[in-house]
N, C-alpha and C. Protein backbone atom coordinates (compact mmCIF):
# COMPACT_ATOMS: atom_id res chain seq x y z
N MET A 1 194.50 4.82 15.57
CA MET A 1 195.32 3.72 16.06
C MET A 1 194.96 2.44 15.32
N HIS A 2 195.86 1.48 15.44
CA HIS A 2 195.70 0.20 14.76
C HIS A 2 196.41 -0.85 15.61
N LEU A 3 195.78 -2.01 15.80
CA LEU A 3 196.38 -3.07 16.62
C LEU A 3 197.42 -3.90 15.86
N GLY A 4 197.63 -3.59 14.62
CA GLY A 4 198.69 -4.26 13.89
C GLY A 4 198.21 -5.38 13.01
N TRP A 5 199.18 -6.12 12.52
CA TRP A 5 198.93 -7.22 11.59
C TRP A 5 198.95 -8.53 12.37
N TRP A 6 197.96 -9.37 12.13
CA TRP A 6 197.81 -10.64 12.85
C TRP A 6 197.61 -11.77 11.85
N ALA A 7 198.07 -12.93 12.21
CA ALA A 7 197.90 -14.12 11.37
C ALA A 7 197.23 -15.22 12.19
N PHE A 8 196.26 -15.87 11.59
CA PHE A 8 195.66 -17.04 12.22
C PHE A 8 196.60 -18.22 11.98
N LYS A 9 196.97 -18.90 13.03
CA LYS A 9 197.86 -20.06 12.92
C LYS A 9 197.06 -21.32 13.21
N THR A 10 197.14 -22.29 12.33
CA THR A 10 196.50 -23.58 12.57
C THR A 10 197.57 -24.57 13.01
N TRP A 11 197.17 -25.77 13.29
CA TRP A 11 198.10 -26.78 13.79
C TRP A 11 199.24 -26.99 12.81
N SER A 12 200.46 -26.82 13.30
CA SER A 12 201.64 -27.01 12.45
C SER A 12 202.65 -27.93 13.12
N GLY A 13 202.17 -28.78 14.02
CA GLY A 13 203.05 -29.68 14.74
C GLY A 13 203.29 -29.19 16.16
N PRO A 14 204.00 -29.97 16.94
CA PRO A 14 204.16 -29.65 18.36
C PRO A 14 204.98 -28.39 18.64
N GLN A 15 205.74 -27.90 17.68
CA GLN A 15 206.55 -26.71 17.92
C GLN A 15 205.81 -25.40 17.65
N GLY A 16 204.70 -25.49 16.92
CA GLY A 16 203.94 -24.28 16.58
C GLY A 16 202.74 -24.12 17.50
N GLU A 17 202.45 -22.90 17.89
CA GLU A 17 201.28 -22.66 18.73
C GLU A 17 200.14 -22.14 17.86
N PRO A 18 199.03 -22.89 17.80
CA PRO A 18 197.91 -22.43 16.98
C PRO A 18 197.17 -21.27 17.65
N THR A 19 196.39 -20.57 16.85
CA THR A 19 195.54 -19.50 17.36
C THR A 19 194.25 -20.12 17.87
N PHE A 20 193.88 -19.79 19.10
CA PHE A 20 192.65 -20.31 19.70
C PHE A 20 191.57 -19.24 19.68
N THR A 21 190.32 -19.67 19.83
CA THR A 21 189.21 -18.73 19.79
C THR A 21 189.32 -17.68 20.90
N ASP A 22 189.81 -18.06 22.08
CA ASP A 22 189.93 -17.07 23.15
C ASP A 22 190.98 -16.01 22.82
N ASP A 23 192.01 -16.38 22.05
CA ASP A 23 193.00 -15.40 21.60
C ASP A 23 192.33 -14.34 20.71
N ILE A 24 191.50 -14.79 19.79
CA ILE A 24 190.83 -13.89 18.87
C ILE A 24 189.81 -13.02 19.60
N GLU A 25 189.07 -13.62 20.54
CA GLU A 25 188.10 -12.82 21.31
C GLU A 25 188.82 -11.74 22.13
N TYR A 26 189.94 -12.09 22.71
CA TYR A 26 190.71 -11.11 23.49
C TYR A 26 191.13 -9.95 22.59
N LEU A 27 191.71 -10.27 21.45
CA LEU A 27 192.16 -9.25 20.50
C LEU A 27 191.00 -8.37 20.04
N CYS A 28 189.90 -9.00 19.68
CA CYS A 28 188.74 -8.24 19.18
C CYS A 28 188.12 -7.37 20.26
N CYS A 29 188.09 -7.84 21.50
CA CYS A 29 187.57 -7.01 22.60
C CYS A 29 188.46 -5.80 22.82
N LYS A 30 189.76 -5.97 22.72
CA LYS A 30 190.67 -4.82 22.87
C LYS A 30 190.47 -3.84 21.71
N ALA A 31 190.18 -4.35 20.51
CA ALA A 31 189.91 -3.47 19.37
C ALA A 31 188.63 -2.67 19.62
N ILE A 32 187.59 -3.31 20.14
CA ILE A 32 186.35 -2.59 20.45
C ILE A 32 186.61 -1.56 21.55
N GLY A 33 187.28 -1.98 22.62
CA GLY A 33 187.52 -1.10 23.75
C GLY A 33 188.29 0.14 23.38
N ASN A 34 189.23 0.00 22.45
CA ASN A 34 190.06 1.14 22.03
C ASN A 34 189.58 1.77 20.72
N ASP A 35 188.50 1.22 20.17
CA ASP A 35 187.94 1.66 18.89
C ASP A 35 189.02 1.77 17.82
N VAL A 36 189.73 0.66 17.64
CA VAL A 36 190.80 0.59 16.64
C VAL A 36 190.61 -0.63 15.76
N GLY A 37 191.20 -0.57 14.60
CA GLY A 37 191.13 -1.69 13.67
C GLY A 37 192.31 -2.63 13.84
N LEU A 38 192.25 -3.72 13.10
CA LEU A 38 193.34 -4.68 13.03
C LEU A 38 193.35 -5.27 11.63
N SER A 39 194.46 -5.80 11.25
CA SER A 39 194.59 -6.38 9.92
C SER A 39 195.00 -7.83 10.02
N LEU A 40 194.44 -8.65 9.15
CA LEU A 40 194.78 -10.07 9.10
C LEU A 40 195.65 -10.31 7.88
N MET A 41 196.59 -11.21 8.04
CA MET A 41 197.49 -11.52 6.92
C MET A 41 197.65 -13.02 6.77
N GLY A 42 198.08 -13.43 5.61
CA GLY A 42 198.46 -14.81 5.38
C GLY A 42 197.32 -15.77 5.12
N VAL A 43 196.11 -15.27 4.93
CA VAL A 43 194.99 -16.17 4.64
C VAL A 43 194.51 -15.87 3.23
N ASN A 44 194.68 -16.84 2.35
CA ASN A 44 194.18 -16.65 0.99
C ASN A 44 192.82 -17.35 0.86
N PRO A 45 192.02 -16.96 -0.10
CA PRO A 45 190.67 -17.53 -0.23
C PRO A 45 190.65 -19.05 -0.38
N GLN A 46 191.64 -19.62 -1.04
CA GLN A 46 191.66 -21.07 -1.24
C GLN A 46 191.87 -21.81 0.09
N SER A 47 192.83 -21.35 0.90
CA SER A 47 193.08 -22.02 2.17
C SER A 47 191.94 -21.77 3.15
N PHE A 48 191.34 -20.58 3.09
CA PHE A 48 190.21 -20.25 3.96
C PHE A 48 189.04 -21.19 3.67
N ALA A 49 188.76 -21.41 2.40
CA ALA A 49 187.62 -22.24 2.00
C ALA A 49 187.79 -23.70 2.42
N LYS A 50 189.03 -24.16 2.55
CA LYS A 50 189.30 -25.57 2.87
C LYS A 50 189.52 -25.83 4.36
N ASN A 51 189.59 -24.79 5.18
CA ASN A 51 190.00 -24.98 6.56
C ASN A 51 188.93 -24.47 7.53
N SER A 52 188.30 -25.39 8.24
CA SER A 52 187.21 -25.02 9.16
C SER A 52 187.72 -24.17 10.33
N THR A 53 188.96 -24.36 10.74
CA THR A 53 189.51 -23.54 11.82
C THR A 53 189.62 -22.09 11.38
N LEU A 54 190.15 -21.85 10.19
CA LEU A 54 190.24 -20.49 9.68
C LEU A 54 188.86 -19.86 9.54
N GLN A 55 187.88 -20.65 9.10
CA GLN A 55 186.52 -20.14 8.96
C GLN A 55 185.93 -19.76 10.31
N ARG A 56 186.17 -20.58 11.33
CA ARG A 56 185.65 -20.28 12.68
C ARG A 56 186.29 -19.00 13.23
N LEU A 57 187.61 -18.88 13.12
CA LEU A 57 188.30 -17.69 13.62
C LEU A 57 187.91 -16.45 12.83
N GLY A 58 187.76 -16.60 11.52
CA GLY A 58 187.32 -15.48 10.70
C GLY A 58 185.90 -15.04 11.05
N GLY A 59 185.04 -15.99 11.36
CA GLY A 59 183.67 -15.67 11.75
C GLY A 59 183.62 -14.88 13.05
N ILE A 60 184.46 -15.25 14.00
CA ILE A 60 184.53 -14.52 15.27
C ILE A 60 184.98 -13.09 15.02
N THR A 61 186.04 -12.94 14.23
CA THR A 61 186.56 -11.61 13.92
C THR A 61 185.51 -10.77 13.22
N ARG A 62 184.82 -11.36 12.25
CA ARG A 62 183.80 -10.65 11.50
C ARG A 62 182.68 -10.14 12.42
N LYS A 63 182.24 -10.99 13.35
CA LYS A 63 181.16 -10.62 14.27
C LYS A 63 181.57 -9.45 15.16
N TYR A 64 182.75 -9.54 15.76
CA TYR A 64 183.23 -8.47 16.64
C TYR A 64 183.47 -7.16 15.87
N GLU A 65 184.04 -7.28 14.69
CA GLU A 65 184.30 -6.07 13.90
C GLU A 65 183.00 -5.40 13.46
N ALA A 66 181.98 -6.18 13.14
CA ALA A 66 180.68 -5.59 12.79
C ALA A 66 180.11 -4.82 13.98
N LEU A 67 180.26 -5.37 15.17
CA LEU A 67 179.78 -4.69 16.38
C LEU A 67 180.58 -3.42 16.64
N ARG A 68 181.89 -3.47 16.41
CA ARG A 68 182.73 -2.28 16.61
C ARG A 68 182.34 -1.18 15.63
N HIS A 69 182.18 -1.55 14.36
CA HIS A 69 181.82 -0.55 13.36
C HIS A 69 180.43 0.04 13.61
N ALA A 70 179.52 -0.76 14.18
CA ALA A 70 178.16 -0.28 14.48
C ALA A 70 178.12 0.54 15.76
N LYS A 71 179.27 0.64 16.45
CA LYS A 71 179.34 1.37 17.72
C LYS A 71 178.29 0.87 18.71
N THR A 72 178.26 -0.45 18.86
CA THR A 72 177.26 -1.14 19.67
C THR A 72 177.42 -0.89 21.16
N PHE A 73 178.64 -0.73 21.64
CA PHE A 73 178.88 -0.71 23.08
C PHE A 73 179.09 0.70 23.60
N SER A 74 178.60 0.92 24.81
CA SER A 74 178.73 2.22 25.47
C SER A 74 180.18 2.46 25.87
N GLU A 75 180.47 3.70 26.21
CA GLU A 75 181.83 4.06 26.65
C GLU A 75 182.20 3.33 27.93
N SER A 76 181.24 3.10 28.82
CA SER A 76 181.55 2.39 30.07
C SER A 76 181.92 0.93 29.80
N ILE A 77 181.25 0.29 28.85
CA ILE A 77 181.62 -1.09 28.47
C ILE A 77 182.98 -1.09 27.79
N LYS A 78 183.21 -0.13 26.90
CA LYS A 78 184.51 -0.07 26.21
C LYS A 78 185.65 0.16 27.20
N ALA A 79 185.40 0.91 28.25
CA ALA A 79 186.44 1.12 29.27
C ALA A 79 186.80 -0.20 29.94
N GLN A 80 185.81 -1.05 30.18
CA GLN A 80 186.07 -2.38 30.77
C GLN A 80 186.86 -3.25 29.80
N LEU A 81 186.54 -3.16 28.52
CA LEU A 81 187.23 -3.96 27.51
C LEU A 81 188.69 -3.54 27.33
N ARG A 82 189.01 -2.30 27.66
CA ARG A 82 190.39 -1.81 27.51
C ARG A 82 191.34 -2.32 28.58
N VAL A 83 190.84 -2.85 29.68
CA VAL A 83 191.70 -3.25 30.80
C VAL A 83 192.60 -4.41 30.36
N PRO A 84 193.93 -4.22 30.39
CA PRO A 84 194.84 -5.29 30.00
C PRO A 84 194.63 -6.55 30.84
N GLY A 85 194.54 -7.68 30.17
CA GLY A 85 194.40 -8.95 30.86
C GLY A 85 192.96 -9.38 31.11
N ASP A 86 192.01 -8.44 31.11
CA ASP A 86 190.61 -8.81 31.32
C ASP A 86 190.07 -9.43 30.04
N GLU A 87 189.38 -10.56 30.20
CA GLU A 87 188.88 -11.31 29.05
C GLU A 87 187.36 -11.35 29.06
N PHE A 88 186.78 -11.37 27.86
CA PHE A 88 185.34 -11.41 27.70
C PHE A 88 185.00 -12.34 26.55
N THR A 89 183.76 -12.83 26.57
CA THR A 89 183.26 -13.62 25.45
C THR A 89 181.89 -13.10 25.08
N LEU A 90 181.56 -13.21 23.83
CA LEU A 90 180.29 -12.72 23.31
C LEU A 90 179.28 -13.86 23.35
N GLU A 91 178.12 -13.60 23.97
CA GLU A 91 177.07 -14.61 24.06
C GLU A 91 175.75 -14.01 23.60
N GLN A 92 174.86 -14.89 23.17
CA GLN A 92 173.53 -14.47 22.76
C GLN A 92 172.55 -14.92 23.84
N ASP A 93 171.73 -13.98 24.33
CA ASP A 93 170.77 -14.34 25.38
C ASP A 93 169.51 -14.95 24.76
N ALA A 94 168.55 -15.32 25.61
CA ALA A 94 167.33 -16.01 25.16
C ALA A 94 166.53 -15.17 24.16
N GLU A 95 166.63 -13.85 24.27
CA GLU A 95 165.91 -12.95 23.36
C GLU A 95 166.68 -12.68 22.08
N GLY A 96 167.88 -13.21 21.98
CA GLY A 96 168.69 -13.02 20.78
C GLY A 96 169.66 -11.86 20.84
N ALA A 97 169.69 -11.14 21.96
CA ALA A 97 170.61 -10.01 22.09
C ALA A 97 172.01 -10.51 22.39
N LEU A 98 173.00 -9.85 21.81
CA LEU A 98 174.40 -10.20 22.07
C LEU A 98 174.89 -9.44 23.29
N LYS A 99 175.57 -10.15 24.18
CA LYS A 99 176.10 -9.56 25.41
C LYS A 99 177.51 -10.07 25.64
N LEU A 100 178.32 -9.22 26.24
CA LEU A 100 179.68 -9.62 26.62
C LEU A 100 179.66 -10.13 28.05
N ARG A 101 180.29 -11.28 28.27
CA ARG A 101 180.39 -11.86 29.60
C ARG A 101 181.86 -12.00 29.96
N PRO A 102 182.23 -11.58 31.18
CA PRO A 102 183.63 -11.79 31.60
C PRO A 102 183.97 -13.28 31.62
N MET A 103 185.18 -13.60 31.28
CA MET A 103 185.65 -14.99 31.34
C MET A 103 187.14 -14.98 31.64
N GLN A 104 187.65 -16.13 31.99
CA GLN A 104 189.08 -16.26 32.24
C GLN A 104 189.53 -17.61 31.72
N CYS A 105 190.48 -17.60 30.81
CA CYS A 105 191.02 -18.83 30.25
C CYS A 105 192.35 -19.13 30.93
N GLN A 106 192.54 -20.35 31.32
CA GLN A 106 193.79 -20.78 31.94
C GLN A 106 194.59 -21.56 30.91
N LYS A 107 195.78 -21.10 30.63
CA LYS A 107 196.65 -21.81 29.70
C LYS A 107 197.68 -22.59 30.50
N GLN A 108 198.00 -23.77 30.00
CA GLN A 108 198.99 -24.61 30.65
C GLN A 108 200.00 -25.08 29.61
N LYS A 109 201.17 -25.37 30.10
CA LYS A 109 202.24 -25.85 29.24
C LYS A 109 202.82 -27.11 29.86
N ILE A 110 203.03 -28.14 29.05
CA ILE A 110 203.70 -29.35 29.54
C ILE A 110 205.18 -29.04 29.61
N ALA A 111 205.71 -29.11 30.83
CA ALA A 111 207.09 -28.71 31.05
C ALA A 111 208.04 -29.89 31.20
N GLN A 112 207.51 -31.04 31.60
CA GLN A 112 208.41 -32.15 31.87
C GLN A 112 207.65 -33.46 31.73
N LEU A 113 208.25 -34.42 31.07
CA LEU A 113 207.70 -35.76 30.96
C LEU A 113 208.66 -36.73 31.62
N GLY A 114 208.12 -37.70 32.30
CA GLY A 114 209.01 -38.69 32.88
C GLY A 114 208.24 -39.69 33.73
N GLN A 115 208.55 -40.94 33.59
CA GLN A 115 207.97 -42.03 34.37
C GLN A 115 206.44 -41.98 34.39
N GLY A 116 205.87 -41.67 33.23
CA GLY A 116 204.42 -41.66 33.12
C GLY A 116 203.74 -40.44 33.73
N LEU A 117 204.51 -39.52 34.27
CA LEU A 117 203.94 -38.33 34.89
C LEU A 117 204.16 -37.12 33.99
N VAL A 118 203.20 -36.24 33.98
CA VAL A 118 203.31 -35.00 33.24
C VAL A 118 203.19 -33.86 34.23
N LYS A 119 204.12 -32.93 34.16
CA LYS A 119 204.07 -31.76 35.04
C LYS A 119 203.55 -30.58 34.23
N ASN A 120 202.41 -30.04 34.64
CA ASN A 120 201.83 -28.87 33.98
C ASN A 120 202.20 -27.63 34.75
N ILE A 121 202.49 -26.59 34.01
CA ILE A 121 202.78 -25.29 34.62
C ILE A 121 201.74 -24.30 34.09
N ARG A 122 201.01 -23.67 34.98
CA ARG A 122 200.02 -22.68 34.57
C ARG A 122 200.75 -21.44 34.10
N LEU A 123 200.41 -20.96 32.90
CA LEU A 123 201.07 -19.81 32.33
C LEU A 123 200.42 -18.50 32.74
N ARG A 124 199.15 -18.51 33.04
CA ARG A 124 198.46 -17.30 33.47
C ARG A 124 197.81 -17.54 34.79
């Protein structure tokens, strides 16, 4: 199996939605949980070298993929990572060991502006 082709999006104005670190962590956790690969597109070495956002997102992907290839996680952990909608983040403990911690990111969208008030709508 393969999770498909993905592109890191950086800020392109108010109409474009950039890729956030939690998006990449979610994708990478699903790749580990299902033991599948993914492919990145649209990043050339010149733009990667000049863009700290691309470097940060690429670093996250590299770390998770190294763990997947090393078969770091047990089947019981991978089963948890496969659950649609469940989110995790990778943390390093005091001894230097990497561990996955459950997390939940709340996304909001500005739906209406008027008279100095902003109405936020929670998307998840």
